[in-house]
Amino acid sequence: MNRYFLLLFLVFIAVIPTSLDAQDRETIAIIGTGDLGNSVGPKWAEAGHRVIYGSRDPTRDSVRSLVARSGPDASAMTQKGAAQEAQIIVLAVPGTAVEHVARNLGDLEGKIVIDATFAARQAEDGYMESVFETSGAEMIQAWNPGARLVKTDFNSSYVIDDPTITGNLETSFVASDDREAKEIAAKLIAELGLRPLDAGPLRHAREIEAMVRLFYVPLLQGRQEEFRFTVHPSTFWTCLYDWDWYKPVYDAENLAELPEPETPPEPCSSHPPLN
């Protein structure tokens, strides 16, 4: 009898971790199977997530190929179907399609929606301008008030494909009014090989989108150069300034916990504080 119970106990120990791992894996719906969607999807599938691609035509050959590259748990369905199947939704569609797609995903109450779109167009002078007066993320939130919106830029798809291509660890800014949603998005960004940086509330999506518009300036001008927004860990401000002059932000005592940077900030030097 003792051997019988010992055997049951060993089977229980062997089975439980597998079950918990299966429950802990996030299901991610990636709405859009273009240049960005086909970069982030396979990476997250490799990290152990179940990936569902939302496509206007899930049976298209390119979509089938993408699903095959994303492992046995990956699948594709309509955009609305994918959004309803997952608790985490990543919008990776062209900026011109944002409104139509975001208004037609069904009930998103309680779901985390990560907006990685670039809601911009070329103005009459050829430079980029925003499609909205505020930001794409804020409009998506207005169309889906129950969703938990997060804005990020995800950098460029070629950086996601090869995070070492620029020689630097690239940064993705993360803005949201929902701390937990921001932390989950930051974890997913880190799994792509990028450094997530807390960009504050969702309204700062305007600044994130503005930086992306600036990023396009050299390209649109036809220059043989580019500039990138790369953030490096630093304690410079903390070491040099007395912070009594500012009013603390509302969440100063409850900041989102983001993955630790691989390179920690350098310690303070001998510079005296500035008042």
Protein backbone atom coordinates (compact mmCIF):
# COMPACT_ATOMS: atom_id res chain seq x y z
CA MET A 1 0.00 0.00 0.00
CA ASN A 2 2.83 2.40 0.83
CA ARG A 3 4.40 1.75 -2.57
CA TYR A 4 1.07 2.56 -4.20
CA PHE A 5 0.80 5.97 -2.53
CA LEU A 6 4.47 6.70 -3.26
CA LEU A 7 3.85 5.99 -6.93
CA LEU A 8 0.83 8.31 -6.97
CA PHE A 9 2.88 11.05 -5.29
CA LEU A 10 5.69 10.76 -7.86
CA VAL A 11 3.18 10.94 -10.72
CA PHE A 12 1.59 14.02 -9.09
CA ILE A 13 4.98 15.76 -8.81
CA ALA A 14 5.81 14.96 -12.43
CA VAL A 15 2.51 16.19 -13.85
CA ILE A 16 1.82 19.39 -11.89
CA PRO A 17 4.71 21.56 -13.19
CA THR A 18 3.77 20.82 -16.78
CA SER A 19 0.16 21.81 -16.11
CA LEU A 20 1.20 25.05 -14.42
CA ASP A 21 3.55 25.93 -17.28
CA ALA A 22 0.73 25.45 -19.75
CA GLN A 23 -1.56 27.70 -17.71
CA ASP A 24 1.07 30.43 -17.28
CA ARG A 25 1.79 30.83 -20.99
CA GLU A 26 0.13 33.90 -22.47
CA THR A 27 -1.97 33.60 -25.60
CA ILE A 28 -1.13 36.53 -27.86
CA ALA A 29 -3.30 37.64 -30.76
CA ILE A 30 -1.24 39.49 -33.35
CA ILE A 31 -3.53 41.53 -35.55
CA GLY A 32 -1.67 41.98 -38.81
CA THR A 33 0.64 39.57 -40.61
CA GLY A 34 2.81 42.08 -42.46
CA ASP A 35 6.36 43.26 -41.81
CA LEU A 36 5.97 43.71 -38.04
CA GLY A 37 3.59 40.85 -37.30
CA ASN A 38 5.78 38.30 -39.06
CA SER A 39 8.76 39.45 -36.97
CA VAL A 40 7.29 39.47 -33.46
CA GLY A 41 5.09 36.38 -33.84
CA PRO A 42 7.78 33.72 -34.34
CA LYS A 43 9.91 35.29 -31.57
CA TRP A 44 7.09 35.06 -29.03
CA ALA A 45 6.22 31.56 -30.15
CA GLU A 46 9.85 30.59 -29.61
CA ALA A 47 9.62 32.09 -26.11
CA GLY A 48 6.78 29.66 -25.33
CA HIS A 49 3.66 31.70 -26.00
CA ARG A 50 0.66 30.55 -27.98
CA VAL A 51 0.39 32.87 -30.98
CA ILE A 52 -2.79 33.51 -32.96
CA TYR A 53 -2.50 35.63 -36.08
CA GLY A 54 -5.47 37.79 -37.02
CA SER A 55 -5.63 38.26 -40.77
CA ARG A 56 -8.10 39.55 -43.33
CA ASP A 57 -7.42 36.28 -45.18
CA PRO A 58 -6.18 33.54 -42.81
CA THR A 59 -5.96 31.05 -45.67
CA ARG A 60 -3.46 33.10 -47.70
CA ASP A 61 -0.24 31.22 -48.50
CA SER A 62 1.97 33.78 -46.74
CA VAL A 63 -0.15 33.47 -43.58
CA ARG A 64 0.00 29.68 -43.69
CA SER A 65 3.78 29.90 -44.03
CA LEU A 66 3.98 32.30 -41.07
CA VAL A 67 1.91 29.96 -38.90
CA ALA A 68 4.20 27.06 -39.84
CA ARG A 69 7.25 29.12 -38.80
CA SER A 70 5.62 29.87 -35.46
CA GLY A 71 5.42 26.33 -34.11
CA PRO A 72 2.73 23.70 -33.57
CA ASP A 73 0.62 25.83 -31.20
CA ALA A 74 0.31 28.75 -33.64
CA SER A 75 -2.81 29.38 -35.70
CA ALA A 76 -4.52 31.98 -37.84
CA MET A 77 -8.09 33.20 -38.02
CA THR A 78 -10.00 36.39 -38.71
CA GLN A 79 -8.89 39.55 -36.92
CA LYS A 80 -11.98 39.60 -34.72
CA GLY A 81 -11.72 35.88 -34.02
CA ALA A 82 -8.10 36.18 -32.92
CA ALA A 83 -8.86 39.15 -30.67
CA GLN A 84 -11.69 37.28 -28.96
CA GLU A 85 -9.52 34.21 -28.40
CA ALA A 86 -6.69 35.98 -26.54
CA GLN A 87 -6.25 38.17 -23.48
CA ILE A 88 -3.28 40.01 -25.02
CA ILE A 89 -3.81 41.69 -28.38
CA VAL A 90 -1.04 43.32 -30.39
CA LEU A 91 -2.10 45.73 -33.12
CA ALA A 92 0.44 45.56 -35.94
CA VAL A 93 -1.53 46.92 -38.87
CA PRO A 94 -0.76 49.89 -41.15
CA GLY A 95 -1.65 53.29 -39.68
CA THR A 96 -4.26 53.90 -42.34
CA ALA A 97 -6.16 50.79 -41.21
CA VAL A 98 -6.05 51.47 -37.45
CA GLU A 99 -9.53 52.89 -37.06
CA HIS A 100 -11.31 50.26 -39.14
CA VAL A 101 -9.50 47.40 -37.39
CA ALA A 102 -9.75 48.78 -33.84
CA ARG A 103 -13.49 49.38 -34.18
CA ASN A 104 -14.19 45.85 -35.40
CA LEU A 105 -12.45 43.49 -32.98
CA GLY A 106 -15.50 42.87 -30.82
CA ASP A 107 -15.73 43.25 -27.04
CA LEU A 108 -12.25 43.96 -25.62
CA GLU A 109 -13.35 44.46 -22.02
CA GLY A 110 -10.43 43.62 -19.69
CA LYS A 111 -8.09 42.62 -22.51
CA ILE A 112 -4.58 44.07 -22.82
CA VAL A 113 -4.23 45.83 -26.16
CA ILE A 114 -0.68 46.75 -27.20
CA ASP A 115 -0.72 49.41 -29.88
CA ALA A 116 2.38 49.13 -32.08
CA THR A 117 0.86 50.99 -35.03
CA PHE A 118 2.19 54.14 -36.67
CA ALA A 119 -0.89 56.29 -37.31
CA ALA A 120 0.69 58.77 -39.70
CA ARG A 121 0.65 59.82 -43.35
CA GLN A 122 2.70 62.03 -45.60
CA ALA A 123 1.56 65.65 -45.57
CA GLU A 124 1.56 67.90 -48.65
CA ASP A 125 5.21 68.82 -47.98
CA GLY A 126 6.20 65.14 -47.93
CA TYR A 127 6.95 64.94 -44.21
CA MET A 128 4.95 62.75 -41.85
CA GLU A 129 1.94 64.05 -39.95
CA SER A 130 -0.35 62.36 -37.43
CA VAL A 131 -3.64 60.94 -38.60
CA PHE A 132 -5.22 61.96 -35.27
CA GLU A 133 -5.21 65.13 -33.17
CA THR A 134 -4.10 63.18 -30.09
CA SER A 135 -2.56 59.76 -30.77
CA GLY A 136 -3.56 56.45 -32.28
CA ALA A 137 -3.40 54.75 -28.88
CA GLU A 138 -5.72 57.27 -27.25
CA MET A 139 -8.22 56.90 -30.08
CA ILE A 140 -8.10 53.09 -29.79
CA GLN A 141 -8.82 53.51 -26.08
CA ALA A 142 -11.77 55.79 -26.87
CA TRP A 143 -13.21 53.26 -29.32
CA ASN A 144 -12.65 50.41 -26.81
CA PRO A 145 -13.10 51.97 -23.34
CA GLY A 146 -12.92 48.62 -21.55
CA ALA A 147 -9.55 47.66 -23.04
CA ARG A 148 -6.26 48.05 -21.15
CA LEU A 149 -4.24 50.07 -23.63
CA VAL A 150 -0.47 50.11 -23.89
CA LYS A 151 1.48 52.12 -26.47
CA THR A 152 4.90 51.03 -27.68
CA ASP A 153 7.00 51.64 -30.76
CA PHE A 154 8.60 48.12 -30.92
CA ASN A 155 11.44 49.75 -32.86
CA SER A 156 11.93 48.45 -36.44
CA SER A 157 11.12 44.97 -37.66
CA TYR A 158 14.68 44.43 -38.89
CA VAL A 159 15.92 45.16 -35.34
CA ILE A 160 13.51 42.56 -33.96
CA ASP A 161 14.78 40.07 -36.54
CA ASP A 162 18.37 40.78 -35.46
CA PRO A 163 18.66 42.79 -32.19
CA THR A 164 22.46 43.09 -32.68
CA ILE A 165 22.26 44.69 -36.13
CA THR A 166 22.86 48.27 -34.92
CA GLY A 167 25.52 47.36 -32.39
CA ASN A 168 23.39 48.70 -29.52
CA LEU A 169 20.61 47.36 -27.33
CA GLU A 170 17.64 49.23 -28.80
CA THR A 171 14.91 50.83 -26.69
CA SER A 172 11.14 50.50 -26.91
CA PHE A 173 9.10 53.05 -24.98
CA VAL A 174 6.05 51.83 -23.07
CA ALA A 175 3.20 54.16 -22.11
CA SER A 176 0.03 53.15 -20.29
CA ASP A 177 -2.34 54.15 -17.48
CA ASP A 178 -2.48 50.50 -16.37
CA ARG A 179 0.55 49.38 -14.34
CA GLU A 180 0.02 45.63 -14.74
CA ALA A 181 -0.59 45.94 -18.48
CA LYS A 182 2.60 48.01 -18.82
CA GLU A 183 4.60 45.36 -16.95
CA ILE A 184 3.25 42.55 -19.14
CA ALA A 185 4.03 44.52 -22.31
CA ALA A 186 7.54 45.26 -21.03
CA LYS A 187 8.15 41.54 -20.43
CA LEU A 188 7.10 40.76 -23.98
CA ILE A 189 9.34 43.53 -25.33
CA ALA A 190 12.32 42.12 -23.41
CA GLU A 191 11.64 38.72 -24.97
CA LEU A 192 12.16 40.35 -28.37
CA GLY A 193 15.67 41.36 -27.35
CA LEU A 194 14.79 45.03 -26.78
CA ARG A 195 15.04 47.23 -23.69
CA PRO A 196 11.61 48.43 -22.47
CA LEU A 197 11.56 51.93 -21.01
CA ASP A 198 8.68 53.33 -18.93
CA ALA A 199 7.33 56.35 -20.84
CA GLY A 200 4.64 57.25 -18.32
CA PRO A 201 0.88 57.59 -18.94
CA LEU A 202 -0.97 56.70 -22.12
CA ARG A 203 -1.15 60.34 -23.23
CA HIS A 204 2.62 60.15 -23.80
CA ALA A 205 1.76 57.98 -26.77
CA ARG A 206 1.70 61.33 -28.58
CA GLU A 207 5.41 61.80 -27.86
CA ILE A 208 6.24 58.23 -28.86
CA GLU A 209 4.46 58.67 -32.18
CA ALA A 210 6.14 62.06 -32.66
CA MET A 211 9.57 60.43 -32.25
CA VAL A 212 8.69 57.87 -34.88
CA ARG A 213 7.71 60.67 -37.26
CA LEU A 214 11.08 62.32 -36.64
CA PHE A 215 12.81 59.01 -37.30
CA TYR A 216 11.50 59.14 -40.88
CA VAL A 217 12.92 62.61 -41.65
CA PRO A 218 16.34 61.55 -43.00
CA LEU A 219 14.73 58.77 -45.03
CA LEU A 220 12.19 61.12 -46.60
CA GLN A 221 14.94 63.65 -47.30
CA GLY A 222 16.98 61.01 -49.09
CA ARG A 223 19.99 61.48 -46.82
CA GLN A 224 22.69 58.83 -46.55
CA GLU A 225 22.33 58.70 -42.78
CA GLU A 226 19.79 58.11 -40.06
CA PHE A 227 19.35 58.83 -36.40
CA ARG A 228 18.09 56.44 -33.75
CA PHE A 229 16.64 56.99 -30.29
CA THR A 230 18.78 54.84 -28.01
CA VAL A 231 18.57 55.16 -24.23
CA HIS A 232 21.46 54.12 -21.98
CA PRO A 233 21.21 53.46 -18.22
CA SER A 234 22.58 56.40 -16.29
CA THR A 235 22.58 57.94 -12.82
CA PHE A 236 23.68 61.37 -14.08
CA TRP A 237 20.58 63.30 -13.01
CA THR A 238 20.31 61.47 -9.71
CA CYS A 239 23.94 62.24 -8.91
CA LEU A 240 23.94 65.91 -9.87
CA TYR A 241 20.56 67.34 -9.00
CA ASP A 242 18.58 67.99 -5.86
CA TRP A 243 15.08 66.79 -6.76
CA ASP A 244 13.17 69.02 -4.32
CA TRP A 245 12.21 71.42 -7.12
CA TYR A 246 9.62 69.21 -8.80
CA LYS A 247 6.22 67.82 -7.91
CA PRO A 248 6.28 64.00 -7.86
CA VAL A 249 4.21 62.14 -10.45
CA TYR A 250 1.01 60.50 -9.27
CA ASP A 251 2.46 56.97 -9.42
CA ALA A 252 5.89 57.77 -7.96
CA GLU A 253 5.35 55.32 -5.09
CA ASN A 254 3.89 52.60 -7.31
CA LEU A 255 5.99 52.52 -10.46
CA ALA A 256 5.73 49.63 -12.88
CA GLU A 257 8.46 47.01 -12.43
CA LEU A 258 10.25 46.55 -15.74
CA PRO A 259 12.91 43.96 -16.59
CA GLU A 260 16.32 45.00 -15.28
CA PRO A 261 18.72 46.35 -17.94
CA GLU A 262 21.60 44.07 -18.86
CA THR A 263 24.03 46.93 -18.26
CA PRO A 264 23.43 48.61 -14.86
CA PRO A 265 23.89 52.38 -14.51
CA GLU A 266 27.34 53.61 -13.57
CA PRO A 267 27.73 54.69 -9.92
CA CYS A 268 27.80 58.36 -8.99
CA SER A 269 31.05 60.21 -9.54
CA SER A 270 32.59 62.82 -7.23
CA HIS A 271 30.55 65.67 -8.75
CA PRO A 272 28.76 67.70 -6.06
CA PRO A 273 24.93 67.97 -6.32
CA LEU A 274 23.53 70.96 -8.20
CA ASN A 275 20.79 73.00 -6.57
